[in-house]
Amino acid sequence: MIDIFLIALGIIFLFLGLAGSILPILPGPPLSYAGLLMLNFTKNHQFSSRFLLIWAIITILVIIIENLIPLWGTKKYGGSKKAVLGSLIGLLVGLFVFPPFGIIICPFFGAVLGEIIAGKETSLAIRAGFGAFVGFMGGTLLKLIASGVMLFYFFKELIA
């Protein structure tokens, strides 16, 4: 009975992890990793210690990198922290205003608006907005890949 509960909880964590790879409110890869741990705590489905350690390290690296990529993209294209903040606000707005396309389009406009508010010329604001957008999308893609692979391994072990 406890195994069924742990498996169900693991599935919930994994799907929350996938959602969290897109939604900034939820920590995607850590939730997905928690899903792997739930399956590991069952009697019949365990991962090796090496596997769990590797995925713990990957999860930590993804968290670090996904926070650095938008900064790198913004700086590479001449943007400021206001572009990154605007991109995040744009994402939140895009979740509700124009889903699913708003998740892609609104961060760009938010970054541009952030740069215009910071006093940059429109052409520089658009360039910085593009950098923030590219960085944000790169971080999101990285989180989706990590969470998706963990989902794959969960179900591979569950079926085996």
Protein backbone atom coordinates (compact mmCIF):
# COMPACT_ATOMS: atom_id res chain seq x y z
CA MET A 1 0.00 0.00 0.00
CA ILE A 2 2.82 2.40 0.87
CA ASP A 3 4.51 1.62 -2.47
CA ILE A 4 1.40 2.71 -4.38
CA PHE A 5 1.36 5.95 -2.39
CA LEU A 6 5.07 6.58 -3.09
CA ILE A 7 4.65 5.84 -6.80
CA ALA A 8 1.63 8.17 -7.02
CA LEU A 9 3.51 10.87 -5.12
CA GLY A 10 6.52 10.38 -7.40
CA ILE A 11 4.35 10.82 -10.49
CA ILE A 12 2.86 13.99 -9.02
CA PHE A 13 6.34 15.36 -8.27
CA LEU A 14 7.55 14.52 -11.77
CA PHE A 15 4.68 16.28 -13.49
CA LEU A 16 5.00 19.25 -11.14
CA GLY A 17 8.68 19.25 -12.08
CA LEU A 18 7.82 19.43 -15.77
CA ALA A 19 5.38 22.27 -15.08
CA GLY A 20 8.00 23.97 -12.92
CA SER A 21 10.43 23.90 -15.82
CA ILE A 22 8.17 26.47 -17.48
CA LEU A 23 6.48 28.13 -14.51
CA PRO A 24 8.90 30.21 -12.44
CA ILE A 25 6.83 29.60 -9.30
CA LEU A 26 7.82 25.92 -9.06
CA PRO A 27 11.38 24.53 -8.86
CA GLY A 28 11.19 22.12 -11.82
CA PRO A 29 14.24 19.84 -11.67
CA PRO A 30 14.29 19.56 -7.85
CA LEU A 31 10.65 18.42 -7.91
CA SER A 32 11.46 15.91 -10.64
CA TYR A 33 14.38 14.63 -8.58
CA ALA A 34 12.06 14.25 -5.59
CA GLY A 35 9.87 12.10 -7.85
CA LEU A 36 12.82 9.82 -8.56
CA LEU A 37 13.47 9.57 -4.81
CA MET A 38 9.85 8.58 -4.16
CA LEU A 39 10.19 5.65 -6.54
CA ASN A 40 13.53 4.75 -4.99
CA PHE A 41 11.88 4.44 -1.56
CA THR A 42 9.58 1.66 -2.77
CA LYS A 43 10.40 -1.99 -2.15
CA ASN A 44 10.59 -3.11 -5.78
CA HIS A 45 12.01 -0.11 -7.65
CA GLN A 46 15.39 1.23 -6.63
CA PHE A 47 17.99 3.23 -8.47
CA SER A 48 21.69 2.78 -7.81
CA SER A 49 23.38 5.20 -5.43
CA ARG A 50 25.57 6.31 -8.32
CA PHE A 51 22.50 7.11 -10.45
CA LEU A 52 20.92 9.15 -7.66
CA LEU A 53 24.17 11.00 -6.96
CA ILE A 54 24.65 11.84 -10.64
CA TRP A 55 21.10 13.17 -10.90
CA ALA A 56 21.50 15.16 -7.69
CA ILE A 57 24.59 16.81 -9.18
CA ILE A 58 22.83 17.40 -12.51
CA THR A 59 19.87 18.95 -10.68
CA ILE A 60 22.13 21.32 -8.75
CA LEU A 61 24.05 22.25 -11.91
CA VAL A 62 20.83 22.90 -13.82
CA ILE A 63 19.62 25.23 -11.06
CA ILE A 64 22.90 27.16 -11.13
CA ILE A 65 23.16 27.29 -14.92
CA GLU A 66 19.53 28.22 -15.52
CA ASN A 67 20.02 31.25 -13.29
CA LEU A 68 23.23 32.27 -15.06
CA ILE A 69 22.08 31.82 -18.67
CA PRO A 70 19.63 34.78 -18.69
CA LEU A 71 22.27 37.02 -17.13
CA TRP A 72 24.80 35.89 -19.71
CA GLY A 73 22.36 36.42 -22.60
CA THR A 74 21.36 39.84 -21.32
CA LYS A 75 24.94 40.99 -20.77
CA LYS A 76 26.07 39.56 -24.09
CA TYR A 77 23.45 41.67 -25.84
CA GLY A 78 24.08 44.77 -23.70
CA GLY A 79 21.18 44.52 -21.29
CA SER A 80 20.75 45.29 -17.61
CA LYS A 81 19.13 43.55 -14.66
CA LYS A 82 15.94 45.42 -15.52
CA ALA A 83 15.78 43.46 -18.78
CA VAL A 84 15.99 40.19 -16.85
CA LEU A 85 13.34 41.36 -14.37
CA GLY A 86 11.15 42.55 -17.22
CA SER A 87 11.54 39.18 -18.91
CA LEU A 88 10.40 37.39 -15.75
CA ILE A 89 7.41 39.70 -15.33
CA GLY A 90 6.61 39.19 -19.01
CA LEU A 91 6.61 35.45 -18.47
CA LEU A 92 4.15 35.73 -15.59
CA VAL A 93 1.88 37.97 -17.65
CA GLY A 94 2.19 35.64 -20.64
CA LEU A 95 1.03 32.68 -18.58
CA PHE A 96 -2.37 34.28 -18.12
CA VAL A 97 -2.83 36.72 -20.98
CA PHE A 98 -1.94 34.73 -24.06
CA PRO A 99 -1.15 31.09 -23.20
CA PRO A 100 0.76 29.19 -24.52
CA PHE A 101 2.29 31.74 -26.90
CA GLY A 102 2.47 34.39 -24.18
CA ILE A 103 5.11 32.30 -22.43
CA ILE A 104 7.33 32.81 -25.45
CA ILE A 105 6.41 36.33 -26.59
CA CYS A 106 5.80 38.23 -23.34
CA PRO A 107 9.27 37.71 -21.80
CA PHE A 108 10.78 39.44 -24.82
CA PHE A 109 8.43 42.43 -24.54
CA GLY A 110 8.96 42.54 -20.79
CA ALA A 111 12.73 42.70 -21.24
CA VAL A 112 12.42 45.45 -23.84
CA LEU A 113 10.10 47.42 -21.58
CA GLY A 114 12.52 46.96 -18.67
CA GLU A 115 15.33 48.43 -20.75
CA ILE A 116 13.21 51.34 -21.94
CA ILE A 117 12.29 52.08 -18.33
CA ALA A 118 16.03 51.97 -17.55
CA GLY A 119 16.46 54.76 -20.12
CA LYS A 120 17.94 52.87 -23.06
CA GLU A 121 17.22 53.73 -26.67
CA THR A 122 14.63 51.53 -28.35
CA SER A 123 17.12 49.75 -30.62
CA LEU A 124 19.39 48.92 -27.67
CA ALA A 125 16.39 47.88 -25.60
CA ILE A 126 15.26 45.49 -28.34
CA ARG A 127 18.76 44.01 -28.59
CA ALA A 128 18.98 43.55 -24.80
CA GLY A 129 15.45 42.17 -24.74
CA PHE A 130 16.44 39.62 -27.32
CA GLY A 131 19.44 38.60 -25.20
CA ALA A 132 17.30 38.22 -22.08
CA PHE A 133 14.74 36.27 -24.07
CA VAL A 134 17.38 33.92 -25.54
CA GLY A 135 18.89 33.38 -22.11
CA PHE A 136 15.53 32.75 -20.49
CA MET A 137 14.50 30.29 -23.20
CA GLY A 138 17.85 28.50 -22.92
CA GLY A 139 17.39 28.07 -19.17
CA THR A 140 13.83 26.87 -19.66
CA LEU A 141 14.92 24.35 -22.28
CA LEU A 142 17.67 23.07 -19.99
CA LYS A 143 15.17 22.55 -17.15
CA LEU A 144 12.69 20.83 -19.48
CA ILE A 145 15.34 18.45 -20.76
CA ALA A 146 16.53 17.53 -17.25
CA SER A 147 12.99 17.04 -15.93
CA GLY A 148 11.97 15.12 -19.05
CA VAL A 149 14.90 12.73 -18.76
CA MET A 150 14.12 12.13 -15.08
CA LEU A 151 10.50 11.38 -16.06
CA PHE A 152 11.78 8.90 -18.62
CA TYR A 153 13.99 7.10 -16.08
CA PHE A 154 11.15 7.01 -13.54
CA PHE A 155 8.81 5.22 -15.93
CA LYS A 156 11.60 3.03 -17.31
CA GLU A 157 12.31 1.76 -13.78
CA LEU A 158 8.62 1.52 -12.93
CA ILE A 159 7.87 -0.66 -15.96
CA ALA A 160 11.01 -2.83 -15.56
